[in-house]
Amino acid sequence: MRSTGRRGWTVRCDLCEHTFAAAVASRAQAVAFAESTGWIVGERTWCPMCAAAHTARRTA
């Protein structure tokens, strides 16, 4: 996750490099916004599609 200055924050998936832009003031707000749309943000950052594929493999 990186700051884009006044425009907010950008989150990038560690697996597919899909990006998500959040026009919010703080990193905590960006994380909360990304997680509310299905992103997993932590040690690794995954977009909703990669997170779903990973979860499907673990439960199969």
C-alpha atoms as a PDB file:
ATOM      1  CA  MET A   1       0.000   0.000   0.000  1.00  0.00           C
ATOM      2  CA  ARG A   2       1.329   3.417  -0.833  1.00  0.00           C
ATOM      3  CA  SER A   3       0.212   6.997  -0.483  1.00  0.00           C
ATOM      4  CA  THR A   4      -0.640   8.897  -3.638  1.00  0.00           C
ATOM      5  CA  GLY A   5      -0.343  12.258  -1.920  1.00  0.00           C
ATOM      6  CA  ARG A   6      -3.478  14.321  -1.689  1.00  0.00           C
ATOM      7  CA  ARG A   7      -5.413  11.866  -3.814  1.00  0.00           C
ATOM      8  CA  GLY A   8      -5.402   9.042  -1.257  1.00  0.00           C
ATOM      9  CA  TRP A   9      -3.921   5.544  -1.226  1.00  0.00           C
ATOM     10  CA  THR A  10      -3.275   2.768  -3.721  1.00  0.00           C
ATOM     11  CA  VAL A  11      -3.420  -0.919  -2.823  1.00  0.00           C
ATOM     12  CA  ARG A  12      -1.794  -3.499  -5.155  1.00  0.00           C
ATOM     13  CA  CYS A  13      -2.372  -7.256  -5.122  1.00  0.00           C
ATOM     14  CA  ASP A  14       0.811  -9.228  -4.418  1.00  0.00           C
ATOM     15  CA  LEU A  15      -0.235 -12.011  -6.790  1.00  0.00           C
ATOM     16  CA  CYS A  16      -1.740 -10.401  -9.892  1.00  0.00           C
ATOM     17  CA  GLU A  17      -0.809  -6.730  -9.384  1.00  0.00           C
ATOM     18  CA  HIS A  18      -4.454  -5.611  -9.679  1.00  0.00           C
ATOM     19  CA  THR A  19      -4.800  -2.186  -8.032  1.00  0.00           C
ATOM     20  CA  PHE A  20      -7.396  -0.414  -5.924  1.00  0.00           C
ATOM     21  CA  ALA A  21      -7.404   3.344  -5.313  1.00  0.00           C
ATOM     22  CA  ALA A  22      -8.993   4.784  -2.199  1.00  0.00           C
ATOM     23  CA  ALA A  23      -9.586   8.531  -1.983  1.00  0.00           C
ATOM     24  CA  VAL A  24      -9.296   8.740   1.799  1.00  0.00           C
ATOM     25  CA  ALA A  25      -7.022  10.643   4.161  1.00  0.00           C
ATOM     26  CA  SER A  26      -5.346   7.922   6.228  1.00  0.00           C
ATOM     27  CA  ARG A  27      -3.814   4.498   5.706  1.00  0.00           C
ATOM     28  CA  ALA A  28      -6.222   3.003   8.256  1.00  0.00           C
ATOM     29  CA  GLN A  29      -9.194   4.341   6.286  1.00  0.00           C
ATOM     30  CA  ALA A  30      -7.742   2.927   3.061  1.00  0.00           C
ATOM     31  CA  VAL A  31      -7.290  -0.514   4.653  1.00  0.00           C
ATOM     32  CA  ALA A  32     -10.856  -0.476   6.009  1.00  0.00           C
ATOM     33  CA  PHE A  33     -12.239   0.604   2.619  1.00  0.00           C
ATOM     34  CA  ALA A  34     -10.260  -2.038   0.723  1.00  0.00           C
ATOM     35  CA  GLU A  35     -11.290  -4.784   3.165  1.00  0.00           C
ATOM     36  CA  SER A  36     -14.953  -3.745   2.850  1.00  0.00           C
ATOM     37  CA  THR A  37     -14.720  -4.444  -0.889  1.00  0.00           C
ATOM     38  CA  GLY A  38     -13.178  -7.910  -0.481  1.00  0.00           C
ATOM     39  CA  TRP A  39      -9.439  -7.179  -0.378  1.00  0.00           C
ATOM     40  CA  ILE A  40      -7.226  -8.957   2.138  1.00  0.00           C
ATOM     41  CA  VAL A  41      -4.664  -6.514   3.530  1.00  0.00           C
ATOM     42  CA  GLY A  42      -1.951  -7.733   5.878  1.00  0.00           C
ATOM     43  CA  GLU A  43       1.443  -9.350   5.464  1.00  0.00           C
ATOM     44  CA  ARG A  44       0.280 -10.125   1.945  1.00  0.00           C
ATOM     45  CA  THR A  45      -2.251  -8.102   0.009  1.00  0.00           C
ATOM     46  CA  TRP A  46      -4.699  -9.945  -2.218  1.00  0.00           C
ATOM     47  CA  CYS A  47      -7.453  -8.650  -4.482  1.00  0.00           C
ATOM     48  CA  PRO A  48     -10.901 -10.245  -4.125  1.00  0.00           C
ATOM     49  CA  MET A  49     -10.330 -12.641  -7.059  1.00  0.00           C
ATOM     50  CA  CYS A  50      -6.976 -13.931  -5.776  1.00  0.00           C
ATOM     51  CA  ALA A  51      -8.366 -14.182  -2.246  1.00  0.00           C
ATOM     52  CA  ALA A  52     -11.334 -16.222  -3.510  1.00  0.00           C
ATOM     53  CA  ALA A  53      -9.068 -18.532  -5.516  1.00  0.00           C
ATOM     54  CA  HIS A  54      -6.794 -19.052  -2.518  1.00  0.00           C
ATOM     55  CA  THR A  55      -9.732 -19.783  -0.215  1.00  0.00           C
ATOM     56  CA  ALA A  56     -11.225 -22.226  -2.753  1.00  0.00           C
ATOM     57  CA  ARG A  57      -7.939 -24.150  -2.964  1.00  0.00           C
ATOM     58  CA  ARG A  58      -7.658 -24.369   0.828  1.00  0.00           C
ATOM     59  CA  THR A  59     -11.182 -25.763   1.272  1.00  0.00           C
ATOM     60  CA  ALA A  60     -11.133 -28.197  -1.664  1.00  0.00           C
END
